[in-house]
C-alpha cells in the first residue's frame, strides 16, 4: 500500500507547534499509518511571520518531519482560477488559502485544515474538522 500524502494548513501546524493534545494525537496516528506531510512555502512563510526568534529551533524541527514543496506555475494557475471563481462569493479567503487549495489539488492529496469555510472548492479533499 502506498503511503498517504497530506498538505498541512497553517492552522494545523500552529496547533501542532502549540502541542494541542487532540491535534497531536491525530498527527501521531497519521505518522503511525505512514502518512507523508507536505508543507507549502506559503505555510512556512506564515509560520515565520508569526514566530518569535526563540521558537525557530522547534519550528525547524517540525518542518524536518515534513516534505517541503516548491510552488510552480501550475499551482499558481489553479490558485488564480480559484481566486477568480470564489473571491466575491466567499469574503475573507486569502491568496494564501487559494494557494494551499491549489497545492492539495496539484499533488492530488487532502488538505488538513481547521478552516473548512476557507476552502469551498469541490475538487479539493479536506481532512480534519
N, C-alpha and C. Protein backbone atom coordinates (compact mmCIF):
# COMPACT_ATOMS: atom_id res chain seq x y z
N UNK A 1 0.85 -1.19 0.00
CA UNK A 1 0.00 0.00 0.00
C UNK A 1 0.88 1.24 0.00
N UNK A 2 0.53 2.21 -0.81
CA UNK A 2 1.27 3.46 -0.90
C UNK A 2 0.92 4.35 0.29
N UNK A 3 1.92 5.01 0.81
CA UNK A 3 1.69 5.94 1.92
C UNK A 3 0.81 7.09 1.45
N UNK A 4 -0.09 7.50 2.32
CA UNK A 4 -0.95 8.64 2.02
C UNK A 4 -0.15 9.92 2.18
N UNK A 5 -0.44 10.90 1.36
CA UNK A 5 0.18 12.21 1.46
C UNK A 5 -0.89 13.22 1.85
N UNK A 6 -0.47 14.25 2.56
CA UNK A 6 -1.42 15.24 3.03
C UNK A 6 -0.74 16.60 3.13
N UNK A 7 -1.40 17.64 2.61
CA UNK A 7 -0.91 19.01 2.73
C UNK A 7 -1.40 19.58 4.06
N UNK A 8 -0.51 20.25 4.79
CA UNK A 8 -0.86 20.85 6.07
C UNK A 8 -1.19 22.32 5.90
N UNK A 9 -2.30 22.75 6.50
CA UNK A 9 -2.66 24.17 6.54
C UNK A 9 -1.94 24.81 7.73
N UNK A 10 -1.77 26.09 7.67
CA UNK A 10 -1.05 26.82 8.72
C UNK A 10 -1.69 26.63 10.09
N UNK A 11 -3.02 26.63 10.16
CA UNK A 11 -3.69 26.50 11.46
C UNK A 11 -3.36 25.16 12.13
N UNK A 12 -3.22 24.12 11.35
CA UNK A 12 -2.87 22.80 11.89
C UNK A 12 -1.42 22.80 12.39
N UNK A 13 -0.53 23.40 11.60
CA UNK A 13 0.88 23.47 12.02
C UNK A 13 0.99 24.27 13.33
N UNK A 14 0.26 25.36 13.45
CA UNK A 14 0.28 26.14 14.69
C UNK A 14 -0.19 25.29 15.86
N UNK A 15 -1.29 24.56 15.68
CA UNK A 15 -1.79 23.70 16.75
C UNK A 15 -0.78 22.62 17.14
N UNK A 16 -0.06 22.09 16.15
CA UNK A 16 0.97 21.09 16.44
C UNK A 16 2.14 21.71 17.19
N UNK A 17 2.56 22.88 16.77
CA UNK A 17 3.66 23.56 17.46
C UNK A 17 3.28 23.96 18.88
N UNK A 18 1.99 24.25 19.09
CA UNK A 18 1.50 24.58 20.43
C UNK A 18 1.17 23.32 21.24
N UNK A 19 1.35 22.17 20.59
CA UNK A 19 1.13 20.86 21.24
C UNK A 19 -0.30 20.68 21.75
N UNK A 20 -1.28 21.09 20.93
CA UNK A 20 -2.68 20.86 21.29
C UNK A 20 -2.93 19.35 21.28
N UNK A 21 -3.34 18.79 22.42
CA UNK A 21 -3.38 17.33 22.57
C UNK A 21 -4.18 16.58 21.50
N UNK A 22 -5.37 17.08 21.14
CA UNK A 22 -6.18 16.37 20.15
C UNK A 22 -5.54 16.37 18.77
N UNK A 23 -4.92 17.48 18.40
CA UNK A 23 -4.27 17.58 17.09
C UNK A 23 -3.00 16.74 17.07
N UNK A 24 -2.24 16.78 18.16
CA UNK A 24 -1.03 15.96 18.26
C UNK A 24 -1.38 14.48 18.18
N UNK A 25 -2.44 14.07 18.86
CA UNK A 25 -2.86 12.66 18.83
C UNK A 25 -3.23 12.24 17.41
N UNK A 26 -3.95 13.09 16.71
CA UNK A 26 -4.33 12.79 15.33
C UNK A 26 -3.08 12.73 14.44
N UNK A 27 -2.15 13.66 14.64
CA UNK A 27 -0.91 13.69 13.88
C UNK A 27 -0.12 12.40 14.10
N UNK A 28 0.01 11.99 15.36
CA UNK A 28 0.78 10.78 15.67
C UNK A 28 0.13 9.54 15.07
N UNK A 29 -1.20 9.49 15.05
CA UNK A 29 -1.90 8.37 14.41
C UNK A 29 -1.60 8.35 12.92
N UNK A 30 -1.56 9.52 12.30
CA UNK A 30 -1.24 9.60 10.87
C UNK A 30 0.22 9.21 10.62
N UNK A 31 1.12 9.64 11.49
CA UNK A 31 2.53 9.24 11.37
C UNK A 31 2.64 7.71 11.44
N UNK A 32 1.91 7.11 12.39
CA UNK A 32 1.94 5.65 12.55
C UNK A 32 1.42 4.94 11.30
N UNK A 33 0.50 5.59 10.58
CA UNK A 33 -0.03 4.99 9.35
C UNK A 33 0.81 5.37 8.13
N UNK A 34 2.00 5.95 8.38
CA UNK A 34 2.98 6.28 7.34
C UNK A 34 2.55 7.44 6.43
N UNK A 35 1.70 8.32 6.93
CA UNK A 35 1.31 9.49 6.15
C UNK A 35 2.53 10.39 5.94
N UNK A 36 2.65 10.92 4.74
CA UNK A 36 3.71 11.87 4.40
C UNK A 36 3.07 13.26 4.40
N UNK A 37 3.63 14.16 5.18
CA UNK A 37 3.08 15.51 5.31
C UNK A 37 3.80 16.45 4.37
N UNK A 38 3.03 17.16 3.55
CA UNK A 38 3.56 18.09 2.57
C UNK A 38 3.40 19.51 3.10
N UNK A 39 4.46 20.29 2.97
CA UNK A 39 4.49 21.64 3.52
C UNK A 39 4.76 22.64 2.41
N UNK A 40 3.82 23.54 2.20
CA UNK A 40 3.96 24.59 1.20
C UNK A 40 4.83 25.72 1.73
N UNK A 41 5.58 26.38 0.84
CA UNK A 41 6.32 27.56 1.27
C UNK A 41 5.40 28.65 1.81
N UNK A 42 4.14 28.64 1.42
CA UNK A 42 3.16 29.58 1.94
C UNK A 42 3.01 29.38 3.46
N UNK A 43 2.91 28.13 3.89
CA UNK A 43 2.78 27.82 5.31
C UNK A 43 4.07 28.18 6.05
N UNK A 44 5.21 27.85 5.46
CA UNK A 44 6.50 28.20 6.07
C UNK A 44 6.55 29.71 6.31
N UNK A 45 6.17 30.50 5.31
CA UNK A 45 6.19 31.96 5.44
C UNK A 45 5.22 32.43 6.52
N UNK A 46 4.01 31.87 6.54
CA UNK A 46 3.03 32.29 7.54
C UNK A 46 3.50 31.95 8.96
N UNK A 47 4.11 30.79 9.13
CA UNK A 47 4.60 30.40 10.45
C UNK A 47 5.71 31.36 10.92
N UNK A 48 6.68 31.61 10.05
CA UNK A 48 7.77 32.51 10.44
C UNK A 48 7.28 33.94 10.65
N UNK A 49 6.26 34.37 9.92
CA UNK A 49 5.73 35.72 10.08
C UNK A 49 5.17 35.94 11.49
N UNK A 50 4.69 34.86 12.11
CA UNK A 50 4.11 34.99 13.44
C UNK A 50 4.96 34.43 14.56
N UNK A 51 6.18 34.02 14.27
CA UNK A 51 7.00 33.32 15.26
C UNK A 51 8.00 34.26 15.95
N UNK A 52 8.29 33.93 17.18
CA UNK A 52 9.38 34.58 17.91
C UNK A 52 10.68 33.86 17.57
N UNK A 53 11.78 34.58 17.66
CA UNK A 53 13.10 34.00 17.38
C UNK A 53 13.33 32.74 18.22
N UNK A 54 12.91 32.75 19.47
CA UNK A 54 13.14 31.61 20.37
C UNK A 54 12.39 30.36 19.93
N UNK A 55 11.40 30.51 19.05
CA UNK A 55 10.61 29.38 18.57
C UNK A 55 11.20 28.73 17.31
N UNK A 56 12.17 29.37 16.69
CA UNK A 56 12.69 28.91 15.40
C UNK A 56 13.25 27.49 15.44
N UNK A 57 13.94 27.11 16.50
CA UNK A 57 14.51 25.77 16.59
C UNK A 57 13.41 24.70 16.57
N UNK A 58 12.36 24.92 17.34
CA UNK A 58 11.24 23.97 17.38
C UNK A 58 10.52 23.92 16.02
N UNK A 59 10.39 25.07 15.40
CA UNK A 59 9.73 25.14 14.08
C UNK A 59 10.54 24.33 13.07
N UNK A 60 11.84 24.56 13.03
CA UNK A 60 12.69 23.82 12.09
C UNK A 60 12.65 22.32 12.36
N UNK A 61 12.61 21.94 13.63
CA UNK A 61 12.49 20.53 13.98
C UNK A 61 11.23 19.92 13.42
N UNK A 62 10.12 20.64 13.55
CA UNK A 62 8.86 20.13 12.99
C UNK A 62 8.92 20.09 11.47
N UNK A 63 9.44 21.14 10.86
CA UNK A 63 9.50 21.19 9.40
C UNK A 63 10.31 20.03 8.83
N UNK A 64 11.32 19.55 9.57
CA UNK A 64 12.11 18.42 9.09
C UNK A 64 11.30 17.13 9.02
N UNK A 65 10.17 17.08 9.72
CA UNK A 65 9.29 15.91 9.66
C UNK A 65 8.44 15.90 8.39
N UNK A 66 8.45 16.99 7.68
CA UNK A 66 7.59 17.17 6.51
C UNK A 66 8.41 17.22 5.23
N UNK A 67 7.73 16.94 4.12
CA UNK A 67 8.34 17.11 2.81
C UNK A 67 8.01 18.52 2.35
N UNK A 68 9.04 19.35 2.18
CA UNK A 68 8.79 20.73 1.77
C UNK A 68 8.66 20.80 0.25
N UNK A 69 7.65 21.54 -0.18
CA UNK A 69 7.31 21.66 -1.60
C UNK A 69 7.79 22.98 -2.16
N UNK A 70 7.83 23.06 -3.47
CA UNK A 70 8.05 24.31 -4.17
C UNK A 70 6.74 24.72 -4.81
N UNK A 71 6.55 26.02 -4.99
CA UNK A 71 5.40 26.50 -5.77
C UNK A 71 5.81 26.52 -7.23
N UNK A 72 4.89 26.15 -8.10
CA UNK A 72 5.18 26.16 -9.52
C UNK A 72 4.06 26.86 -10.28
N UNK A 73 4.26 27.00 -11.56
CA UNK A 73 3.29 27.70 -12.39
C UNK A 73 1.91 27.06 -12.40
N UNK A 74 1.86 25.72 -12.43
CA UNK A 74 0.57 25.04 -12.42
C UNK A 74 -0.21 25.36 -11.16
N UNK A 75 0.47 25.31 -10.01
CA UNK A 75 -0.19 25.63 -8.75
C UNK A 75 -0.66 27.08 -8.75
N UNK A 76 0.16 27.96 -9.28
CA UNK A 76 -0.23 29.38 -9.38
C UNK A 76 -1.46 29.57 -10.25
N UNK A 77 -1.52 28.87 -11.38
CA UNK A 77 -2.68 28.99 -12.27
C UNK A 77 -3.95 28.48 -11.59
N UNK A 78 -3.84 27.34 -10.92
CA UNK A 78 -5.01 26.79 -10.21
C UNK A 78 -5.46 27.78 -9.13
N UNK A 79 -4.51 28.31 -8.36
CA UNK A 79 -4.85 29.27 -7.30
C UNK A 79 -5.52 30.51 -7.87
N UNK A 80 -4.99 31.01 -8.96
CA UNK A 80 -5.58 32.19 -9.60
C UNK A 80 -7.00 31.94 -10.07
N UNK A 81 -7.24 30.76 -10.61
CA UNK A 81 -8.60 30.41 -11.04
C UNK A 81 -9.54 30.28 -9.86
N UNK A 82 -9.05 29.69 -8.76
CA UNK A 82 -9.87 29.63 -7.54
C UNK A 82 -10.20 31.05 -7.06
N UNK A 83 -9.21 31.92 -7.04
CA UNK A 83 -9.42 33.29 -6.57
C UNK A 83 -10.46 34.00 -7.44
N UNK A 84 -10.35 33.83 -8.74
CA UNK A 84 -11.31 34.45 -9.67
C UNK A 84 -12.72 33.93 -9.42
N UNK A 85 -12.83 32.61 -9.18
CA UNK A 85 -14.14 31.98 -9.03
C UNK A 85 -14.79 32.24 -7.66
N UNK A 86 -13.98 32.27 -6.59
CA UNK A 86 -14.56 32.27 -5.25
C UNK A 86 -14.41 33.57 -4.46
N UNK A 87 -13.59 34.51 -4.89
CA UNK A 87 -13.31 35.70 -4.08
C UNK A 87 -14.54 36.53 -3.76
N UNK A 88 -15.41 36.73 -4.73
CA UNK A 88 -16.58 37.58 -4.49
C UNK A 88 -17.61 36.92 -3.58
N UNK A 89 -17.88 35.65 -3.80
CA UNK A 89 -18.92 34.95 -3.04
C UNK A 89 -18.46 34.55 -1.65
N UNK A 90 -17.15 34.37 -1.46
CA UNK A 90 -16.61 33.92 -0.18
C UNK A 90 -15.59 34.94 0.32
N UNK A 91 -16.09 35.99 0.97
CA UNK A 91 -15.22 37.04 1.51
C UNK A 91 -14.30 36.45 2.57
N UNK A 92 -13.08 36.93 2.63
CA UNK A 92 -12.18 36.51 3.69
C UNK A 92 -11.25 35.37 3.33
N UNK A 93 -11.38 34.84 2.12
CA UNK A 93 -10.44 33.81 1.71
C UNK A 93 -9.21 34.51 1.13
N UNK A 94 -8.06 34.21 1.69
CA UNK A 94 -6.83 34.89 1.28
C UNK A 94 -6.18 34.19 0.09
N UNK A 95 -5.27 34.90 -0.54
CA UNK A 95 -4.50 34.30 -1.62
C UNK A 95 -3.74 33.08 -1.11
N UNK A 96 -3.27 33.14 0.15
CA UNK A 96 -2.57 32.01 0.74
C UNK A 96 -3.47 30.77 0.77
N UNK A 97 -4.74 30.97 1.12
CA UNK A 97 -5.69 29.84 1.14
C UNK A 97 -5.89 29.27 -0.27
N UNK A 98 -6.02 30.14 -1.24
CA UNK A 98 -6.16 29.66 -2.62
C UNK A 98 -4.92 28.88 -3.05
N UNK A 99 -3.74 29.34 -2.65
CA UNK A 99 -2.50 28.64 -2.99
C UNK A 99 -2.43 27.27 -2.30
N UNK A 100 -2.88 27.18 -1.06
CA UNK A 100 -2.87 25.89 -0.36
C UNK A 100 -3.86 24.92 -0.99
N UNK A 101 -5.04 25.41 -1.34
CA UNK A 101 -6.02 24.55 -2.02
C UNK A 101 -5.45 24.06 -3.34
N UNK A 102 -4.82 24.95 -4.08
CA UNK A 102 -4.22 24.58 -5.36
C UNK A 102 -3.09 23.57 -5.18
N UNK A 103 -2.33 23.71 -4.10
CA UNK A 103 -1.25 22.76 -3.80
C UNK A 103 -1.83 21.37 -3.56
N UNK A 104 -2.89 21.30 -2.76
CA UNK A 104 -3.53 20.00 -2.50
C UNK A 104 -4.06 19.39 -3.79
N UNK A 105 -4.68 20.21 -4.61
CA UNK A 105 -5.20 19.68 -5.88
C UNK A 105 -4.07 19.24 -6.81
N UNK A 106 -3.03 20.05 -6.92
CA UNK A 106 -1.92 19.71 -7.82
C UNK A 106 -1.21 18.43 -7.38
N UNK A 107 -1.16 18.19 -6.08
CA UNK A 107 -0.48 16.99 -5.56
C UNK A 107 -1.47 15.84 -5.31
N UNK A 108 -2.72 16.07 -5.65
CA UNK A 108 -3.78 15.05 -5.56
C UNK A 108 -3.81 14.39 -4.19
N UNK A 109 -3.88 15.24 -3.17
CA UNK A 109 -3.98 14.71 -1.81
C UNK A 109 -4.82 15.65 -0.96
N UNK A 110 -5.27 15.17 0.20
CA UNK A 110 -6.11 16.00 1.06
C UNK A 110 -5.34 17.18 1.68
N UNK A 111 -6.10 18.18 2.08
CA UNK A 111 -5.59 19.32 2.82
C UNK A 111 -6.12 19.22 4.24
N UNK A 112 -5.22 19.17 5.22
CA UNK A 112 -5.63 19.11 6.62
C UNK A 112 -5.76 20.53 7.13
N UNK A 113 -6.99 20.91 7.44
CA UNK A 113 -7.29 22.27 7.88
C UNK A 113 -8.36 22.24 8.95
N UNK A 114 -8.39 23.29 9.75
CA UNK A 114 -9.49 23.50 10.69
C UNK A 114 -10.42 24.60 10.18
N UNK A 115 -10.09 25.19 9.05
CA UNK A 115 -10.86 26.30 8.47
C UNK A 115 -11.57 25.87 7.19
N UNK A 116 -12.51 24.97 7.33
CA UNK A 116 -13.19 24.45 6.14
C UNK A 116 -13.86 25.55 5.32
N UNK A 117 -14.33 26.59 5.97
CA UNK A 117 -15.02 27.67 5.24
C UNK A 117 -14.10 28.41 4.28
N UNK A 118 -12.79 28.28 4.47
CA UNK A 118 -11.84 28.93 3.56
C UNK A 118 -11.61 28.11 2.29
N UNK A 119 -12.20 26.93 2.23
CA UNK A 119 -11.94 26.03 1.09
C UNK A 119 -13.25 25.51 0.49
N UNK A 120 -13.99 26.37 -0.22
CA UNK A 120 -15.27 25.95 -0.81
C UNK A 120 -15.12 25.14 -2.10
N UNK A 121 -13.89 24.90 -2.54
CA UNK A 121 -13.66 24.22 -3.82
C UNK A 121 -14.15 22.77 -3.72
N UNK A 122 -14.91 22.35 -4.72
CA UNK A 122 -15.45 20.98 -4.69
C UNK A 122 -14.45 19.94 -5.23
N UNK A 123 -13.30 20.41 -5.73
CA UNK A 123 -12.30 19.47 -6.23
C UNK A 123 -11.09 19.36 -5.31
N UNK A 124 -11.24 19.82 -4.06
CA UNK A 124 -10.19 19.71 -3.05
C UNK A 124 -10.76 18.89 -1.88
N UNK A 125 -10.07 17.82 -1.52
CA UNK A 125 -10.49 16.97 -0.40
C UNK A 125 -9.92 17.56 0.88
N UNK A 126 -10.80 17.79 1.87
CA UNK A 126 -10.38 18.33 3.15
C UNK A 126 -10.33 17.23 4.20
N UNK A 127 -9.32 17.31 5.05
CA UNK A 127 -9.17 16.38 6.17
C UNK A 127 -9.26 17.20 7.44
N UNK A 128 -9.89 16.67 8.45
CA UNK A 128 -9.98 17.36 9.73
C UNK A 128 -11.30 18.04 9.92
N UNK A 129 -11.45 18.66 11.08
CA UNK A 129 -12.73 19.28 11.45
C UNK A 129 -12.77 20.75 11.11
